[in-house]
N, C-alpha and C. Protein backbone atom coordinates (compact mmCIF):
# COMPACT_ATOMS: atom_id res chain seq x y z
N UNK A 1 101.51 109.55 91.75
CA UNK A 1 100.91 109.60 93.07
C UNK A 1 101.57 108.54 93.96
N UNK A 2 102.06 108.97 95.09
CA UNK A 2 102.71 108.03 95.99
C UNK A 2 101.66 107.31 96.83
N UNK A 3 102.01 106.11 97.25
CA UNK A 3 101.14 105.31 98.10
C UNK A 3 101.94 104.83 99.30
N UNK A 4 101.23 104.51 100.37
CA UNK A 4 101.88 104.03 101.59
C UNK A 4 101.98 102.51 101.53
N UNK A 5 103.17 101.99 101.85
CA UNK A 5 103.42 100.56 101.85
C UNK A 5 104.06 100.14 103.16
N UNK A 6 103.93 98.85 103.44
CA UNK A 6 104.60 98.25 104.59
C UNK A 6 105.22 96.94 104.11
N UNK A 7 106.47 96.74 104.48
CA UNK A 7 107.19 95.52 104.11
C UNK A 7 107.66 94.83 105.38
N UNK A 8 107.41 93.52 105.46
CA UNK A 8 107.92 92.71 106.55
C UNK A 8 109.00 91.82 105.96
N UNK A 9 110.21 91.94 106.48
CA UNK A 9 111.33 91.11 106.04
C UNK A 9 111.63 90.09 107.12
N UNK A 10 111.96 88.87 106.71
CA UNK A 10 112.54 87.88 107.61
C UNK A 10 113.90 87.53 107.03
N UNK A 11 114.95 87.96 107.72
CA UNK A 11 116.32 87.68 107.29
C UNK A 11 116.84 86.43 107.98
N UNK A 12 117.89 85.87 107.42
CA UNK A 12 118.59 84.74 108.03
C UNK A 12 119.12 85.20 109.39
N UNK A 13 118.84 84.43 110.43
CA UNK A 13 119.23 84.81 111.80
C UNK A 13 120.74 84.80 111.99
N UNK A 14 121.49 84.20 111.09
CA UNK A 14 122.95 84.15 111.22
C UNK A 14 123.60 85.50 110.89
N UNK A 15 122.87 86.40 110.22
CA UNK A 15 123.42 87.71 109.89
C UNK A 15 123.46 88.61 111.11
N UNK A 16 124.47 89.48 111.16
CA UNK A 16 124.50 90.46 112.24
C UNK A 16 123.71 91.70 111.81
N UNK A 17 123.44 92.58 112.76
CA UNK A 17 122.58 93.72 112.49
C UNK A 17 123.19 94.68 111.47
N UNK A 18 124.50 94.81 111.44
CA UNK A 18 125.16 95.69 110.47
C UNK A 18 124.92 95.18 109.03
N UNK A 19 125.01 93.89 108.84
CA UNK A 19 124.79 93.32 107.51
C UNK A 19 123.32 93.49 107.08
N UNK A 20 122.42 93.36 108.02
CA UNK A 20 120.99 93.54 107.72
C UNK A 20 120.73 94.99 107.35
N UNK A 21 121.30 95.93 108.09
CA UNK A 21 121.11 97.35 107.79
C UNK A 21 121.68 97.72 106.43
N UNK A 22 122.80 97.10 106.06
CA UNK A 22 123.39 97.35 104.74
C UNK A 22 122.45 96.88 103.64
N UNK A 23 121.85 95.72 103.81
CA UNK A 23 120.90 95.21 102.81
C UNK A 23 119.65 96.08 102.74
N UNK A 24 119.15 96.52 103.89
CA UNK A 24 117.99 97.39 103.90
C UNK A 24 118.26 98.70 103.19
N UNK A 25 119.44 99.26 103.39
CA UNK A 25 119.82 100.49 102.71
C UNK A 25 119.85 100.29 101.21
N UNK A 26 120.39 99.17 100.77
CA UNK A 26 120.45 98.87 99.34
C UNK A 26 119.05 98.69 98.75
N UNK A 27 118.17 97.97 99.46
CA UNK A 27 116.80 97.76 98.98
C UNK A 27 116.06 99.09 98.87
N UNK A 28 116.15 99.90 99.92
CA UNK A 28 115.37 101.14 99.97
C UNK A 28 115.92 102.21 99.03
N UNK A 29 117.18 102.08 98.61
CA UNK A 29 117.73 103.01 97.61
C UNK A 29 117.02 102.83 96.27
N UNK A 30 116.48 101.66 96.01
CA UNK A 30 115.75 101.41 94.77
C UNK A 30 114.40 102.12 94.73
N UNK A 31 113.91 102.53 95.88
CA UNK A 31 112.60 103.19 95.95
C UNK A 31 112.67 104.65 95.55
N UNK A 32 113.82 105.24 95.61
CA UNK A 32 113.98 106.66 95.27
C UNK A 32 114.77 107.36 96.35
N UNK A 33 115.40 108.46 95.97
CA UNK A 33 116.26 109.18 96.89
C UNK A 33 115.50 109.86 98.01
N UNK A 34 114.25 110.26 97.74
CA UNK A 34 113.50 110.99 98.75
C UNK A 34 112.72 110.09 99.71
N UNK A 35 112.80 108.78 99.53
CA UNK A 35 112.07 107.85 100.39
C UNK A 35 112.90 107.53 101.63
N UNK A 36 112.33 107.81 102.79
CA UNK A 36 112.98 107.50 104.06
C UNK A 36 112.03 106.57 104.82
N UNK A 37 112.31 105.28 104.84
CA UNK A 37 111.40 104.35 105.50
C UNK A 37 111.52 104.42 107.02
N UNK A 38 110.41 104.17 107.68
CA UNK A 38 110.41 104.02 109.14
C UNK A 38 110.67 102.56 109.43
N UNK A 39 111.78 102.25 110.08
CA UNK A 39 112.18 100.87 110.34
C UNK A 39 111.88 100.49 111.78
N UNK A 40 111.44 99.26 111.95
CA UNK A 40 111.19 98.70 113.27
C UNK A 40 111.85 97.32 113.31
N UNK A 41 112.96 97.21 114.01
CA UNK A 41 113.67 95.95 114.13
C UNK A 41 113.07 95.14 115.27
N UNK A 42 112.45 94.02 114.94
CA UNK A 42 111.90 93.14 115.97
C UNK A 42 112.96 92.21 116.51
N UNK A 43 114.01 91.97 115.76
CA UNK A 43 115.08 91.10 116.21
C UNK A 43 114.83 89.65 115.87
N UNK A 44 115.59 88.77 116.53
CA UNK A 44 115.48 87.33 116.25
C UNK A 44 114.25 86.77 116.92
N UNK A 45 113.50 85.99 116.14
CA UNK A 45 112.28 85.36 116.62
C UNK A 45 112.22 83.92 116.13
N UNK A 46 111.53 83.11 116.88
CA UNK A 46 111.27 81.72 116.48
C UNK A 46 110.22 81.73 115.37
N UNK A 47 110.45 81.01 114.29
CA UNK A 47 109.48 80.91 113.21
C UNK A 47 108.37 79.94 113.60
N UNK A 48 107.17 80.16 113.10
CA UNK A 48 106.05 79.28 113.40
C UNK A 48 106.26 77.89 112.80
N UNK A 49 106.96 77.85 111.67
CA UNK A 49 107.29 76.58 111.02
C UNK A 49 108.61 76.79 110.28
N UNK A 50 109.36 75.73 110.05
CA UNK A 50 110.66 75.89 109.37
C UNK A 50 110.49 76.43 107.95
N UNK A 51 111.32 77.40 107.61
CA UNK A 51 111.35 77.96 106.26
C UNK A 51 112.77 77.80 105.75
N UNK A 52 112.91 77.10 104.65
CA UNK A 52 114.24 76.83 104.08
C UNK A 52 115.17 76.22 105.14
N UNK A 53 114.64 75.32 105.93
CA UNK A 53 115.36 74.60 106.98
C UNK A 53 115.89 75.52 108.09
N UNK A 54 115.25 76.64 108.27
CA UNK A 54 115.64 77.57 109.35
C UNK A 54 114.54 77.59 110.40
N UNK A 55 114.94 77.62 111.65
CA UNK A 55 113.99 77.65 112.77
C UNK A 55 113.78 79.06 113.31
N UNK A 56 114.76 79.96 113.10
CA UNK A 56 114.66 81.33 113.58
C UNK A 56 114.94 82.30 112.45
N UNK A 57 114.47 83.53 112.62
CA UNK A 57 114.71 84.56 111.63
C UNK A 57 114.78 85.92 112.30
N UNK A 58 115.36 86.88 111.61
CA UNK A 58 115.48 88.25 112.11
C UNK A 58 114.42 89.09 111.40
N UNK A 59 113.46 89.61 112.16
CA UNK A 59 112.34 90.35 111.60
C UNK A 59 112.61 91.85 111.56
N UNK A 60 112.25 92.48 110.44
CA UNK A 60 112.31 93.93 110.29
C UNK A 60 111.04 94.37 109.56
N UNK A 61 110.42 95.44 110.06
CA UNK A 61 109.24 96.00 109.41
C UNK A 61 109.58 97.40 108.95
N UNK A 62 109.28 97.71 107.69
CA UNK A 62 109.55 99.03 107.12
C UNK A 62 108.26 99.61 106.58
N UNK A 63 108.03 100.89 106.85
CA UNK A 63 106.89 101.61 106.30
C UNK A 63 107.43 102.79 105.50
N UNK A 64 106.87 102.99 104.29
CA UNK A 64 107.36 104.05 103.43
C UNK A 64 106.29 104.44 102.43
N UNK A 65 106.53 105.56 101.75
CA UNK A 65 105.68 106.01 100.66
C UNK A 65 106.52 105.99 99.39
N UNK A 66 105.93 105.45 98.32
CA UNK A 66 106.66 105.36 97.05
C UNK A 66 105.68 105.27 95.90
N UNK A 67 106.21 105.47 94.71
CA UNK A 67 105.43 105.30 93.49
C UNK A 67 105.22 103.81 93.24
N UNK A 68 104.04 103.40 92.79
CA UNK A 68 103.82 101.97 92.50
C UNK A 68 104.73 101.43 91.41
N UNK A 69 105.22 102.28 90.53
CA UNK A 69 106.05 101.81 89.41
C UNK A 69 107.42 101.30 89.86
N UNK A 70 107.90 101.68 91.05
CA UNK A 70 109.22 101.24 91.51
C UNK A 70 109.17 99.91 92.25
N UNK A 71 107.98 99.42 92.60
CA UNK A 71 107.87 98.19 93.39
C UNK A 71 108.37 96.94 92.68
N UNK A 72 108.12 96.72 91.39
CA UNK A 72 108.62 95.49 90.77
C UNK A 72 110.13 95.31 90.88
N UNK A 73 110.90 96.38 90.64
CA UNK A 73 112.36 96.28 90.74
C UNK A 73 112.79 96.10 92.19
N UNK A 74 112.10 96.77 93.11
CA UNK A 74 112.37 96.64 94.54
C UNK A 74 112.17 95.19 95.00
N UNK A 75 111.03 94.59 94.64
CA UNK A 75 110.75 93.21 95.04
C UNK A 75 111.67 92.22 94.33
N UNK A 76 112.06 92.52 93.11
CA UNK A 76 112.99 91.64 92.39
C UNK A 76 114.34 91.59 93.11
N UNK A 77 114.81 92.74 93.59
CA UNK A 77 116.10 92.78 94.31
C UNK A 77 116.01 91.99 95.61
N UNK A 78 114.87 92.06 96.28
CA UNK A 78 114.70 91.31 97.53
C UNK A 78 114.69 89.80 97.24
N UNK A 79 114.01 89.39 96.19
CA UNK A 79 113.95 87.97 95.84
C UNK A 79 115.31 87.40 95.49
N UNK A 80 116.18 88.21 94.90
CA UNK A 80 117.50 87.74 94.50
C UNK A 80 118.48 87.63 95.66
N UNK A 81 118.19 88.27 96.77
CA UNK A 81 119.06 88.23 97.94
C UNK A 81 118.79 86.96 98.73
N UNK A 82 119.79 86.09 98.83
CA UNK A 82 119.61 84.80 99.50
C UNK A 82 119.50 84.91 101.01
N UNK A 83 119.86 86.04 101.58
CA UNK A 83 119.76 86.20 103.03
C UNK A 83 118.34 86.53 103.48
N UNK A 84 117.46 86.87 102.55
CA UNK A 84 116.06 87.12 102.88
C UNK A 84 115.31 85.80 102.82
N UNK A 85 114.83 85.35 103.96
CA UNK A 85 114.11 84.08 104.03
C UNK A 85 112.71 84.25 103.46
N UNK A 86 112.03 85.31 103.86
CA UNK A 86 110.68 85.61 103.41
C UNK A 86 110.46 87.11 103.48
N UNK A 87 109.55 87.63 102.67
CA UNK A 87 109.15 89.03 102.78
C UNK A 87 107.72 89.17 102.30
N UNK A 88 107.07 90.23 102.73
CA UNK A 88 105.70 90.51 102.31
C UNK A 88 105.53 92.02 102.21
N UNK A 89 105.07 92.48 101.05
CA UNK A 89 104.79 93.89 100.83
C UNK A 89 103.29 94.08 100.77
N UNK A 90 102.77 95.00 101.56
CA UNK A 90 101.33 95.27 101.55
C UNK A 90 101.09 96.76 101.36
N UNK A 91 99.98 97.08 100.71
CA UNK A 91 99.55 98.45 100.52
C UNK A 91 98.78 98.88 101.76
N UNK A 92 99.22 99.97 102.38
CA UNK A 92 98.55 100.49 103.56
C UNK A 92 97.49 101.48 103.10
N UNK A 93 96.25 101.23 103.49
CA UNK A 93 95.17 102.15 103.14
C UNK A 93 95.13 103.32 104.10
N UNK A 94 94.16 104.19 103.91
CA UNK A 94 94.03 105.30 104.85
C UNK A 94 93.65 104.78 106.23
N UNK A 95 93.96 105.58 107.22
CA UNK A 95 93.64 105.17 108.60
C UNK A 95 92.13 105.04 108.74
N UNK A 96 91.67 103.99 109.43
CA UNK A 96 90.23 103.83 109.62
C UNK A 96 89.69 104.93 110.54
N UNK A 97 88.41 105.27 110.37
CA UNK A 97 87.85 106.31 111.24
C UNK A 97 87.80 105.84 112.69
N UNK A 98 87.82 106.78 113.59
CA UNK A 98 87.78 106.46 115.01
C UNK A 98 86.45 105.79 115.34
N UNK A 99 86.50 104.76 116.14
CA UNK A 99 85.30 104.00 116.53
C UNK A 99 84.73 104.62 117.79
N UNK A 100 83.44 104.94 117.75
CA UNK A 100 82.75 105.49 118.91
C UNK A 100 82.02 104.34 119.59
N UNK A 101 82.24 104.13 120.88
CA UNK A 101 81.54 103.03 121.57
C UNK A 101 80.03 103.20 121.45
N UNK A 102 79.32 102.09 121.30
CA UNK A 102 77.87 102.14 121.11
C UNK A 102 77.16 102.66 122.35
N UNK A 103 77.70 102.47 123.54
CA UNK A 103 77.08 102.98 124.76
C UNK A 103 77.07 104.51 124.74
N UNK A 104 78.10 105.13 124.23
CA UNK A 104 78.17 106.58 124.15
C UNK A 104 77.18 107.12 123.13
N UNK A 105 76.98 106.39 122.03
CA UNK A 105 76.03 106.80 121.00
C UNK A 105 74.62 106.72 121.56
N UNK A 106 74.31 105.65 122.26
CA UNK A 106 72.98 105.48 122.84
C UNK A 106 72.69 106.55 123.89
N UNK A 107 73.65 106.93 124.70
CA UNK A 107 73.47 107.96 125.71
C UNK A 107 73.24 109.32 125.07
N UNK A 108 73.92 109.59 123.96
CA UNK A 108 73.75 110.86 123.25
C UNK A 108 72.37 110.95 122.66
N UNK A 109 71.81 109.86 122.18
CA UNK A 109 70.45 109.86 121.61
C UNK A 109 69.42 110.08 122.70
N UNK A 110 69.65 109.53 123.90
CA UNK A 110 68.72 109.70 125.01
C UNK A 110 68.69 111.15 125.49
N UNK A 111 69.83 111.84 125.41
CA UNK A 111 69.90 113.23 125.84
C UNK A 111 69.12 114.15 124.91
N UNK A 112 69.01 113.78 123.64
CA UNK A 112 68.30 114.61 122.66
C UNK A 112 66.79 114.55 122.86
N UNK A 113 66.26 113.51 123.48
CA UNK A 113 64.81 113.32 123.62
C UNK A 113 64.20 114.26 124.60
C-alpha cells in the first residue's frame, strides 16, 4: 500500500540548480520507477540559525507516493550526500474535511425552526 510523503531538503547554497536537480533525480530513483514527485523549488533562503557553519541554503520540497519499505534506503542515500545540509520526511495524512464557518451553521439551525 502506497502512502503520501513530503520531503523538505536544504541543500548547500553553493550548488547550482543543475547539480541539485541531478541529486534529486538520483534520490527519487530509489523510490521506484513509477514514482514522479511534485517538486517545488523555493530557492536560496536565509537560515534561521547557522547549520554546519552555513548561513543560507537552497530549499526544495517534494511530494510523492511510495511504499514505506523503500524509505530507509532513500533516507540513507540523503544522509550520505554531503551537499544536503538538512532534510525532513513527513507522512502526509488524508486531506482534512472542509471547515464550515460557525455563523453559517447557526443560521442553518435558525432556518429549520
